[in-house]
Amino acid sequence: MKTALIVEDHRESREWLTELLRQAFPGISVVTADTLSNASAKARKENFNLAVVDISLPDGSGVDLVTELQATAPDTYIVMATIYDDDNHLFSALQAGALGYILKDQPRTRLLAQLQGIARGEPPLSPSVARRILRHFRRTSLPEEVPDLTQRETDVLRLLARGFTRGEISEALDITANTVAGYTKTIYRKLGVSGRAEAALQAARLGVINNDL
C-alpha cells in the first residue's frame, strides 16, 4: 500500500488512524477527509490504494462513499473503521463493496495485525464481525448443487477471495481488466452474492480457498 485515504470526522481518530496506517505500511502517503463531500472530492482527484472509512459522517453515511469508489475507483481496497457492531451496518457496508470491517475499540496491536494481514490476502475483520458473517452464512443454506463455475471463473474467484484488485487479477491471469469485471459479474450471479466479501466466504464454503475466519 502506497497511498491511503482516511475518512473520519473526529480529529483524534484521524490522527491515530494515520499513525496506525504508517506503522502498518511504512512509507505510505496518507490523505485525510472529515466529511463525505470532502472525501468524495479528494477521491476524484487521486486514486488511492487503500481507503479507511468511518460510517457515521456529518453529511451522510460512509457506505455511500464505498458505493461511489466501487464505481469510480474499483481497485481501491476499502476498509470500514467504525463503532457499529450490528448486522445492518456490517452487511450494508459489505454489500456496497467494502473488503474489511474493523471496530475502533479494539486494542491497537490487534488493529495493526488486521491491517497488515491485507498484504497476505486476509480481509481485515474484527473477531466479532467475522463471527457475525459466519452466523449469517450458516443461516443461509447452500444451493443444492455447487455453482457450475468454469476453471477461469474459479481462478478469478480464488484471487478475489484473497483480496487481489481487478488490476492484479488481470496481470496474474494475463487477461484484461474488463474481462476480469465480466468474470466477476458472472461469479456473483452464480454464487448469489453482491460483493467481494460475500464471494470470499462462499469461496471458503465451497472449498475454493481455506476458510481462515
Protein backbone atom coordinates (compact mmCIF):
# COMPACT_ATOMS: atom_id res chain seq x y z
CA MET A 1 0.00 0.00 0.00
CA LYS A 2 1.47 3.30 -1.13
CA THR A 3 -1.43 5.75 -0.76
CA ALA A 4 -4.37 5.87 1.63
CA LEU A 5 -7.45 7.99 2.26
CA ILE A 6 -8.79 8.19 5.81
CA VAL A 7 -12.37 9.43 6.13
CA GLU A 8 -13.11 10.29 9.76
CA ASP A 9 -14.76 13.37 11.27
CA HIS A 10 -13.09 13.24 14.69
CA ARG A 11 -9.61 14.78 14.72
CA GLU A 12 -8.22 12.44 17.39
CA SER A 13 -9.41 9.39 15.48
CA ARG A 14 -7.93 10.71 12.23
CA GLU A 15 -4.60 11.17 13.94
CA TRP A 16 -4.38 7.68 15.47
CA LEU A 17 -5.64 6.06 12.28
CA THR A 18 -2.94 7.92 10.38
CA GLU A 19 -0.29 6.70 12.82
CA LEU A 20 -1.70 3.17 12.62
CA LEU A 21 -1.53 3.10 8.82
CA ARG A 22 2.01 4.46 8.81
CA GLN A 23 3.05 1.73 11.22
CA ALA A 24 1.23 -0.98 9.24
CA PHE A 25 2.53 0.20 5.86
CA PRO A 26 5.87 2.03 6.26
CA GLY A 27 6.28 4.82 3.72
CA ILE A 28 2.57 5.12 2.94
CA SER A 29 1.24 8.56 1.95
CA VAL A 30 -1.92 9.39 3.91
CA VAL A 31 -4.62 11.91 2.95
CA THR A 32 -7.48 12.64 5.36
CA ALA A 33 -11.03 13.94 4.98
CA ASP A 34 -13.56 14.86 7.67
CA THR A 35 -16.76 14.78 5.63
CA LEU A 36 -18.33 12.68 2.90
CA SER A 37 -18.22 15.54 0.39
CA ASN A 38 -14.58 16.32 1.17
CA ALA A 39 -13.64 12.65 0.77
CA SER A 40 -15.54 12.38 -2.50
CA ALA A 41 -13.74 15.43 -3.89
CA LYS A 42 -10.33 14.07 -2.92
CA ALA A 43 -11.13 10.64 -4.36
CA ARG A 44 -11.99 12.25 -7.70
CA LYS A 45 -8.60 13.94 -7.82
CA GLU A 46 -6.44 10.98 -6.77
CA ASN A 47 -6.64 7.19 -6.87
CA PHE A 48 -5.86 5.60 -3.52
CA ASN A 49 -4.64 2.06 -2.89
CA LEU A 50 -6.47 1.97 0.44
CA ALA A 51 -9.46 3.81 1.92
CA VAL A 52 -10.31 3.59 5.63
CA VAL A 53 -13.83 4.93 6.05
CA ASP A 54 -15.99 5.72 9.06
CA ILE A 55 -19.71 5.04 8.64
CA SER A 56 -21.20 7.95 10.57
CA LEU A 57 -20.14 11.24 8.97
CA PRO A 58 -21.60 14.74 9.43
CA ASP A 59 -23.05 14.89 5.92
CA GLY A 60 -24.00 11.27 5.27
CA SER A 61 -23.00 7.64 5.50
CA GLY A 62 -19.57 6.31 4.66
CA VAL A 63 -21.34 3.43 2.91
CA ASP A 64 -22.31 5.91 0.18
CA LEU A 65 -18.62 6.62 -0.38
CA VAL A 66 -17.96 2.88 -0.69
CA THR A 67 -20.59 2.70 -3.44
CA GLU A 68 -19.03 5.68 -5.21
CA LEU A 69 -15.50 4.28 -5.00
CA GLN A 70 -16.66 0.94 -6.35
CA ALA A 71 -17.90 2.75 -9.44
CA THR A 72 -15.05 5.22 -9.92
CA ALA A 73 -12.02 3.50 -8.33
CA PRO A 74 -12.74 -0.25 -8.16
CA ASP A 75 -9.13 -1.14 -7.32
CA THR A 76 -9.23 0.82 -4.05
CA TYR A 77 -9.16 -1.55 -1.06
CA ILE A 78 -11.91 -0.24 1.22
CA VAL A 79 -11.98 -0.93 4.96
CA MET A 80 -14.67 0.38 7.29
CA ALA A 81 -13.41 1.61 10.68
CA THR A 82 -16.39 2.12 12.94
CA ILE A 83 -18.03 1.69 16.33
CA TYR A 84 -21.08 -0.07 14.86
CA ASP A 85 -21.13 -3.79 15.58
CA ASP A 86 -24.51 -4.76 14.16
CA ASP A 87 -25.76 -6.68 11.15
CA ASN A 88 -27.41 -3.72 9.45
CA HIS A 89 -24.28 -1.56 9.24
CA LEU A 90 -22.00 -4.53 8.61
CA PHE A 91 -23.87 -6.06 5.70
CA SER A 92 -24.74 -2.69 4.15
CA ALA A 93 -21.02 -1.92 4.00
CA LEU A 94 -20.02 -5.34 2.67
CA GLN A 95 -22.76 -5.34 0.05
CA ALA A 96 -21.63 -1.89 -1.11
CA GLY A 97 -18.15 -3.29 -1.72
CA ALA A 98 -16.12 -2.88 1.49
CA LEU A 99 -13.41 -5.54 1.84
CA GLY A 100 -12.87 -5.16 5.56
CA TYR A 101 -14.72 -4.07 8.69
CA ILE A 102 -12.81 -3.23 11.86
CA LEU A 103 -14.04 -1.89 15.18
CA LYS A 104 -12.26 1.12 16.63
CA ASP A 105 -12.47 -0.06 20.23
CA GLN A 106 -10.06 -2.96 19.69
CA PRO A 107 -6.53 -2.93 21.09
CA ARG A 108 -4.07 -1.14 18.84
CA THR A 109 -1.96 -4.26 18.34
CA ARG A 110 -4.97 -6.19 17.08
CA LEU A 111 -5.95 -3.42 14.66
CA LEU A 112 -2.39 -3.28 13.40
CA ALA A 113 -2.31 -7.02 12.78
CA GLN A 114 -5.63 -6.90 10.95
CA LEU A 115 -4.40 -4.17 8.61
CA GLN A 116 -1.08 -5.90 7.98
CA GLY A 117 -3.00 -9.03 7.02
CA ILE A 118 -4.17 -7.29 3.84
CA ALA A 119 -0.77 -7.97 2.29
CA ARG A 120 -1.28 -11.69 2.95
CA GLY A 121 -4.72 -11.69 1.34
CA GLU A 122 -6.54 -11.74 4.70
CA PRO A 123 -9.62 -9.46 4.85
CA PRO A 124 -9.33 -7.21 7.93
CA LEU A 125 -12.29 -8.25 10.07
CA SER A 126 -12.69 -7.79 13.80
CA PRO A 127 -13.34 -11.16 15.52
CA SER A 128 -16.93 -10.31 16.47
CA VAL A 129 -17.55 -9.15 12.90
CA ALA A 130 -16.17 -12.39 11.47
CA ARG A 131 -18.46 -14.36 13.79
CA ARG A 132 -21.47 -12.35 12.62
CA ILE A 133 -20.64 -13.07 8.99
CA LEU A 134 -20.22 -16.77 9.64
CA ARG A 135 -23.51 -16.95 11.56
CA HIS A 136 -25.23 -15.19 8.69
CA PHE A 137 -23.96 -17.69 6.17
CA ARG A 138 -24.74 -20.64 8.40
CA ARG A 139 -28.34 -19.46 8.39
CA THR A 140 -28.27 -19.24 4.60
CA SER A 141 -28.42 -22.72 3.13
CA LEU A 142 -26.09 -23.62 0.30
CA PRO A 143 -27.57 -24.31 -3.12
CA GLU A 144 -28.46 -27.96 -3.63
CA GLU A 145 -25.73 -28.12 -6.23
CA VAL A 146 -22.35 -26.41 -6.29
CA PRO A 147 -22.45 -23.50 -8.75
CA ASP A 148 -21.12 -24.53 -12.14
CA LEU A 149 -18.03 -22.34 -12.30
CA THR A 150 -15.63 -22.65 -15.19
CA GLN A 151 -11.93 -23.10 -14.45
CA ARG A 152 -11.22 -19.47 -15.32
CA GLU A 153 -14.10 -18.26 -13.13
CA THR A 154 -12.70 -20.38 -10.30
CA ASP A 155 -9.26 -18.81 -10.83
CA VAL A 156 -10.77 -15.32 -10.67
CA LEU A 157 -12.83 -16.19 -7.58
CA ARG A 158 -9.77 -17.56 -5.79
CA LEU A 159 -7.88 -14.31 -6.38
CA LEU A 160 -10.90 -12.16 -5.49
CA ALA A 161 -11.20 -14.06 -2.23
CA ARG A 162 -7.53 -13.44 -1.46
CA GLY A 163 -8.07 -9.68 -1.82
CA PHE A 164 -6.45 -9.15 -5.22
CA THR A 165 -7.56 -6.00 -7.03
CA ARG A 166 -9.01 -6.10 -10.52
CA GLY A 167 -5.70 -4.90 -11.93
CA GLU A 168 -3.72 -7.54 -10.03
CA ILE A 169 -6.05 -10.29 -11.23
CA SER A 170 -5.70 -9.02 -14.77
CA GLU A 171 -1.92 -9.21 -14.52
CA ALA A 172 -1.85 -12.59 -12.76
CA LEU A 173 -4.14 -14.28 -15.29
CA ASP A 174 -2.95 -12.31 -18.33
CA ILE A 175 -6.42 -11.03 -19.20
CA THR A 176 -7.82 -7.52 -19.49
CA ALA A 177 -9.39 -5.67 -16.56
CA ASN A 178 -12.68 -5.56 -18.47
CA THR A 179 -12.57 -9.34 -18.81
CA VAL A 180 -11.98 -9.64 -15.07
CA ALA A 181 -15.00 -7.40 -14.47
CA GLY A 182 -17.10 -9.65 -16.72
CA TYR A 183 -15.99 -12.80 -14.89
CA THR A 184 -16.66 -11.12 -11.55
CA LYS A 185 -20.21 -10.23 -12.54
CA THR A 186 -20.85 -13.81 -13.67
CA ILE A 187 -19.34 -15.25 -10.48
CA TYR A 188 -21.51 -13.02 -8.28
CA ARG A 189 -24.60 -14.11 -10.20
CA LYS A 190 -23.76 -17.80 -9.95
CA LEU A 191 -22.95 -17.59 -6.23
CA GLY A 192 -25.95 -15.40 -5.47
CA VAL A 193 -23.85 -12.70 -3.82
CA SER A 194 -23.49 -8.97 -4.32
CA GLY A 195 -19.98 -8.19 -3.10
CA ARG A 196 -16.42 -9.40 -2.77
CA ALA A 197 -16.59 -10.20 0.94
CA GLU A 198 -19.64 -12.42 0.43
CA ALA A 199 -17.94 -14.06 -2.55
CA ALA A 200 -14.86 -14.77 -0.41
CA LEU A 201 -16.95 -16.50 2.22
CA GLN A 202 -18.84 -18.53 -0.37
CA ALA A 203 -15.47 -19.49 -1.89
CA ALA A 204 -14.36 -20.74 1.53
CA ARG A 205 -17.56 -22.72 2.00
CA LEU A 206 -17.19 -24.29 -1.45
CA GLY A 207 -13.57 -25.23 -0.80
CA VAL A 208 -12.11 -22.84 -3.36
CA ILE A 209 -9.98 -21.32 -0.58
CA ASN A 210 -9.34 -22.27 3.00
CA ASN A 211 -11.67 -20.61 5.49
CA ASP A 212 -9.29 -18.74 7.78
CA LEU A 213 -12.03 -16.98 9.69
